[in-house]
N, C-alpha and C. Protein backbone atom coordinates (compact mmCIF):
# COMPACT_ATOMS: atom_id res chain seq x y z
N MET A 1 7.78 -1.53 11.26
CA MET A 1 7.49 -2.97 10.27
C MET A 1 6.47 -3.53 11.36
N LEU A 2 5.39 -4.24 10.29
CA LEU A 2 4.73 -5.38 11.25
C LEU A 2 5.37 -6.35 11.17
N PRO A 3 5.20 -6.88 12.52
CA PRO A 3 5.79 -8.19 12.83
C PRO A 3 5.28 -9.32 12.18
N CYS A 4 6.39 -10.36 12.38
CA CYS A 4 5.76 -11.48 11.31
C CYS A 4 4.91 -12.25 12.32
N MET A 5 3.54 -12.58 12.68
CA MET A 5 3.06 -13.27 13.50
C MET A 5 3.30 -14.97 13.21
N ASN A 6 3.84 -15.51 12.11
CA ASN A 6 4.52 -16.89 12.14
C ASN A 6 5.49 -16.86 13.07
N LYS A 7 6.64 -15.96 12.71
CA LYS A 7 7.75 -15.87 13.52
C LYS A 7 7.57 -15.62 15.57
N ARG A 8 6.54 -14.77 15.33
CA ARG A 8 6.31 -14.53 16.85
C ARG A 8 5.11 -15.85 17.40
N ILE A 9 4.47 -16.55 17.01
CA ILE A 9 3.73 -17.75 17.24
C ILE A 9 4.87 -19.20 17.47
N PHE A 10 5.29 -19.13 16.21
CA PHE A 10 6.30 -20.75 16.31
C PHE A 10 7.40 -20.46 16.42
N GLY A 11 8.20 -19.39 16.20
CA GLY A 11 9.47 -18.74 16.34
C GLY A 11 10.29 -19.13 15.12
N ILE A 12 9.84 -19.04 13.80
CA ILE A 12 10.66 -19.56 12.46
C ILE A 12 9.77 -18.09 11.76
N GLU A 13 10.63 -17.70 10.93
CA GLU A 13 10.36 -16.93 9.90
C GLU A 13 9.84 -17.53 8.77
N CYS A 14 8.40 -17.07 8.04
CA CYS A 14 7.63 -17.82 7.28
C CYS A 14 8.32 -17.25 6.06
N PRO A 15 8.28 -17.48 4.70
CA PRO A 15 8.50 -17.51 3.03
C PRO A 15 8.39 -15.91 2.57
N GLY A 16 7.78 -14.99 3.54
CA GLY A 16 7.46 -13.78 2.96
C GLY A 16 7.76 -12.88 4.21
N CYS A 17 8.82 -13.30 5.00
CA CYS A 17 9.40 -12.62 6.11
C CYS A 17 10.82 -12.11 5.18
N GLY A 18 11.10 -10.64 5.62
CA GLY A 18 12.14 -9.84 4.82
C GLY A 18 11.57 -8.89 3.89
N ILE A 19 10.07 -8.95 3.28
CA ILE A 19 9.80 -8.21 2.01
C ILE A 19 9.30 -7.10 2.56
N GLN A 20 9.04 -6.63 3.69
CA GLN A 20 8.85 -5.33 4.16
C GLN A 20 10.16 -4.86 3.86
N ARG A 21 11.33 -5.28 4.59
CA ARG A 21 12.71 -4.46 4.75
C ARG A 21 13.10 -4.12 3.46
N SER A 22 12.99 -5.45 3.03
CA SER A 22 13.44 -5.48 0.92
C SER A 22 12.97 -4.04 0.63
N VAL A 23 11.74 -4.05 0.75
CA VAL A 23 10.71 -2.45 0.10
C VAL A 23 11.37 -1.46 0.72
N SER A 24 11.40 -1.49 1.95
CA SER A 24 12.33 -0.20 2.75
C SER A 24 13.95 0.36 1.99
N TYR A 25 14.57 -1.04 1.77
CA TYR A 25 15.80 -0.79 1.19
C TYR A 25 15.89 -0.37 -0.14
N LEU A 26 14.88 -1.10 -0.77
CA LEU A 26 14.61 -0.10 -2.14
C LEU A 26 14.28 1.22 -2.28
N LEU A 27 13.52 1.37 -1.39
CA LEU A 27 12.66 3.03 -1.43
C LEU A 27 14.23 3.88 -0.75
N ASP A 28 15.24 3.43 -0.50
CA ASP A 28 16.04 4.22 0.23
C ASP A 28 17.30 4.03 -0.78
N GLY A 29 17.18 3.31 -1.93
CA GLY A 29 18.18 3.02 -2.59
C GLY A 29 19.32 1.97 -2.70
N ASN A 30 19.16 0.88 -1.62
CA ASN A 30 20.11 0.41 -1.30
C ASN A 30 19.59 -1.20 -2.41
N PHE A 31 19.76 -1.34 -3.58
CA PHE A 31 19.31 -2.25 -4.21
C PHE A 31 19.89 -3.57 -3.93
N TYR A 32 21.13 -3.67 -3.44
CA TYR A 32 21.88 -4.89 -3.15
C TYR A 32 21.42 -5.32 -1.82
N ASP A 33 21.38 -4.61 -0.86
CA ASP A 33 20.43 -4.94 0.11
C ASP A 33 19.06 -5.49 -0.04
N ALA A 34 18.75 -5.16 -0.62
CA ALA A 34 16.96 -5.56 -1.10
C ALA A 34 17.04 -6.56 -1.50
N LEU A 35 17.78 -6.90 -2.65
CA LEU A 35 17.87 -8.72 -2.83
C LEU A 35 18.68 -9.55 -2.22
N LYS A 36 19.42 -9.16 -1.08
CA LYS A 36 20.08 -10.11 -0.39
C LYS A 36 19.07 -9.92 0.79
N ILE A 37 18.27 -9.20 1.46
CA ILE A 37 17.21 -9.92 2.33
C ILE A 37 15.97 -10.50 1.86
N TYR A 38 15.66 -10.20 0.52
CA TYR A 38 14.36 -11.08 -0.11
C TYR A 38 14.91 -10.99 -1.46
N PRO A 39 15.02 -12.17 -1.98
CA PRO A 39 15.75 -12.44 -3.47
C PRO A 39 14.35 -12.32 -4.34
N ALA A 40 13.26 -12.62 -4.06
CA ALA A 40 12.72 -12.34 -4.82
C ALA A 40 11.85 -10.90 -4.93
N ILE A 41 12.40 -10.12 -4.82
CA ILE A 41 11.65 -8.78 -4.73
C ILE A 41 11.63 -8.53 -6.30
N TYR A 42 12.82 -8.22 -7.30
CA TYR A 42 12.48 -7.81 -8.33
C TYR A 42 11.91 -8.39 -9.00
N THR A 43 11.74 -9.69 -9.07
CA THR A 43 10.71 -10.51 -9.80
C THR A 43 9.35 -10.50 -9.84
N LEU A 44 9.17 -9.85 -8.24
CA LEU A 44 7.88 -10.14 -7.64
C LEU A 44 7.46 -8.54 -8.08
N LEU A 45 8.76 -7.13 -8.35
CA LEU A 45 8.00 -6.27 -8.72
C LEU A 45 7.69 -6.16 -10.08
N LEU A 46 8.42 -7.11 -10.89
CA LEU A 46 8.29 -7.21 -12.54
C LEU A 46 6.96 -7.72 -12.57
N LEU A 47 6.66 -8.74 -11.61
CA LEU A 47 5.08 -9.37 -11.98
C LEU A 47 3.81 -8.42 -11.52
N VAL A 48 4.28 -7.69 -10.34
CA VAL A 48 3.24 -6.79 -10.32
C VAL A 48 3.06 -5.60 -11.52
N GLY A 49 4.03 -5.05 -11.70
CA GLY A 49 4.09 -3.96 -13.07
C GLY A 49 3.53 -4.63 -14.17
N PHE A 50 3.61 -6.19 -14.70
CA PHE A 50 3.17 -6.72 -15.69
C PHE A 50 1.48 -6.81 -15.84
N VAL A 51 1.46 -7.26 -14.58
CA VAL A 51 0.04 -7.21 -13.97
C VAL A 51 -0.77 -6.36 -14.26
N GLY A 52 -0.22 -5.39 -13.57
CA GLY A 52 -1.16 -3.84 -13.78
C GLY A 52 -0.96 -3.33 -15.07
N THR A 53 0.17 -3.67 -15.98
CA THR A 53 -0.15 -2.87 -17.55
C THR A 53 -0.72 -3.99 -18.49
N SER A 54 -0.98 -5.02 -17.77
CA SER A 54 -1.94 -5.68 -18.69
C SER A 54 -3.31 -5.28 -18.38
N PHE A 55 -3.80 -4.74 -17.56
CA PHE A 55 -5.03 -3.96 -17.22
C PHE A 55 -5.14 -3.15 -18.20
N PHE A 56 -4.26 -2.63 -18.31
CA PHE A 56 -4.89 -1.17 -19.39
C PHE A 56 -4.02 -1.52 -20.75
N PHE A 57 -3.20 -2.42 -21.01
CA PHE A 57 -3.16 -2.94 -22.42
C PHE A 57 -3.13 -4.33 -22.62
N ASN A 58 -3.44 -4.09 -24.22
CA ASN A 58 -3.90 -5.66 -24.59
C ASN A 58 -2.52 -6.56 -24.96
N ILE A 59 -1.90 -7.32 -23.63
CA ILE A 59 -0.94 -7.64 -24.51
C ILE A 59 -0.62 -9.19 -25.07
N LYS A 60 0.00 -9.62 -26.03
CA LYS A 60 -0.27 -10.88 -26.82
C LYS A 60 0.64 -11.92 -25.60
N ASN A 61 -0.18 -13.07 -25.08
CA ASN A 61 0.21 -13.95 -24.52
C ASN A 61 0.42 -13.10 -23.14
N ALA A 62 -0.59 -12.51 -22.62
CA ALA A 62 -0.27 -12.36 -21.39
C ALA A 62 -0.36 -13.05 -20.47
N PHE A 63 -1.24 -14.21 -20.73
CA PHE A 63 -1.43 -15.18 -19.39
C PHE A 63 -0.63 -15.93 -19.23
N LYS A 64 0.22 -16.09 -20.40
CA LYS A 64 1.36 -17.16 -20.27
C LYS A 64 2.56 -16.57 -19.58
N ILE A 65 2.50 -15.19 -19.88
CA ILE A 65 3.69 -14.32 -19.40
C ILE A 65 3.26 -14.21 -17.70
N LYS A 66 2.34 -13.89 -17.47
CA LYS A 66 2.04 -13.90 -15.98
C LYS A 66 2.03 -15.42 -15.40
N LEU A 67 1.67 -16.58 -15.91
CA LEU A 67 1.99 -18.09 -15.01
C LEU A 67 3.70 -18.31 -14.98
N TYR A 68 4.40 -17.92 -16.16
CA TYR A 68 5.52 -17.89 -16.15
C TYR A 68 6.70 -17.00 -15.19
N LEU A 69 5.93 -15.66 -14.96
CA LEU A 69 6.86 -14.91 -13.83
C LEU A 69 6.26 -15.31 -12.36
N LEU A 70 4.70 -15.74 -12.02
CA LEU A 70 4.09 -16.28 -11.36
C LEU A 70 4.61 -17.53 -10.83
N TYR A 71 5.71 -18.75 -11.59
CA TYR A 71 5.86 -19.68 -11.00
C TYR A 71 7.62 -19.45 -11.14
N LEU A 72 8.07 -18.64 -11.77
CA LEU A 72 9.31 -18.25 -11.32
C LEU A 72 9.52 -17.33 -9.73
N ASN A 73 8.77 -16.29 -9.75
CA ASN A 73 8.62 -15.83 -8.02
C ASN A 73 8.33 -16.85 -7.15
N VAL A 74 7.61 -17.63 -7.20
CA VAL A 74 7.10 -19.09 -6.44
C VAL A 74 8.77 -19.88 -6.34
N GLY A 75 8.99 -20.19 -7.09
CA GLY A 75 10.65 -20.95 -7.25
C GLY A 75 11.40 -20.02 -6.35
N ILE A 76 11.43 -19.02 -6.73
CA ILE A 76 12.75 -18.37 -5.83
C ILE A 76 12.20 -18.06 -4.62
N ILE A 77 10.93 -17.69 -4.15
CA ILE A 77 10.81 -17.68 -2.68
C ILE A 77 11.11 -19.00 -1.96
N ILE A 78 10.31 -20.09 -2.77
CA ILE A 78 10.73 -21.39 -2.05
C ILE A 78 12.25 -21.82 -1.86
N VAL A 79 13.29 -21.60 -2.76
CA VAL A 79 14.26 -21.93 -2.96
C VAL A 79 15.18 -20.93 -1.85
N SER A 80 14.86 -19.60 -1.38
CA SER A 80 15.77 -18.85 -0.72
C SER A 80 14.93 -19.12 0.67
N TYR A 81 13.92 -19.60 0.55
CA TYR A 81 13.38 -20.12 2.36
C TYR A 81 14.20 -20.98 2.45
N ILE A 82 14.24 -22.30 1.44
CA ILE A 82 15.09 -23.58 2.14
C ILE A 82 16.54 -23.28 2.26
N TYR A 83 16.70 -22.21 1.73
CA TYR A 83 18.38 -22.28 1.73
C TYR A 83 18.60 -21.10 3.16
N LYS A 84 17.78 -20.43 3.41
CA LYS A 84 17.49 -19.51 5.01
C LYS A 84 17.31 -20.67 6.14
N MET A 85 16.63 -21.26 5.85
CA MET A 85 16.02 -22.57 6.68
C MET A 85 17.20 -23.49 6.80
N ILE A 86 18.12 -24.19 5.96
CA ILE A 86 19.23 -24.61 5.82
C ILE A 86 20.26 -24.20 6.60
N HIS A 87 20.37 -22.87 6.28
CA HIS A 87 21.56 -21.69 7.06
C HIS A 87 21.05 -21.52 8.62
N LEU A 88 19.99 -21.54 8.79
CA LEU A 88 19.79 -20.96 10.28
C LEU A 88 20.16 -22.48 10.93
N ILE A 89 19.88 -23.03 10.53
CA ILE A 89 20.32 -24.66 11.40
C ILE A 89 21.53 -24.92 11.85
N HIS A 90 22.55 -24.29 10.61
CA HIS A 90 23.94 -24.62 11.19
C HIS A 90 24.39 -23.69 11.67
């Protein structure tokens, strides 16, 4: 796994920390552990899959759907990062 430079330099995890381990868990079939390590993993896969599909097919309201999925992912990442940082302090 690639080390997190933010964690190495500043000593705290970045909002993307855990995504590599989460993908590794997915590839091993550990779906719950993947979700636990990085809660946005499934919505990120959905976003990537939808963006890839929209390149090949003309999907009605594709731009709005992409924006919704993007905002959903950003929200999940921010909330899970704040949760992680709060529980790290205690």
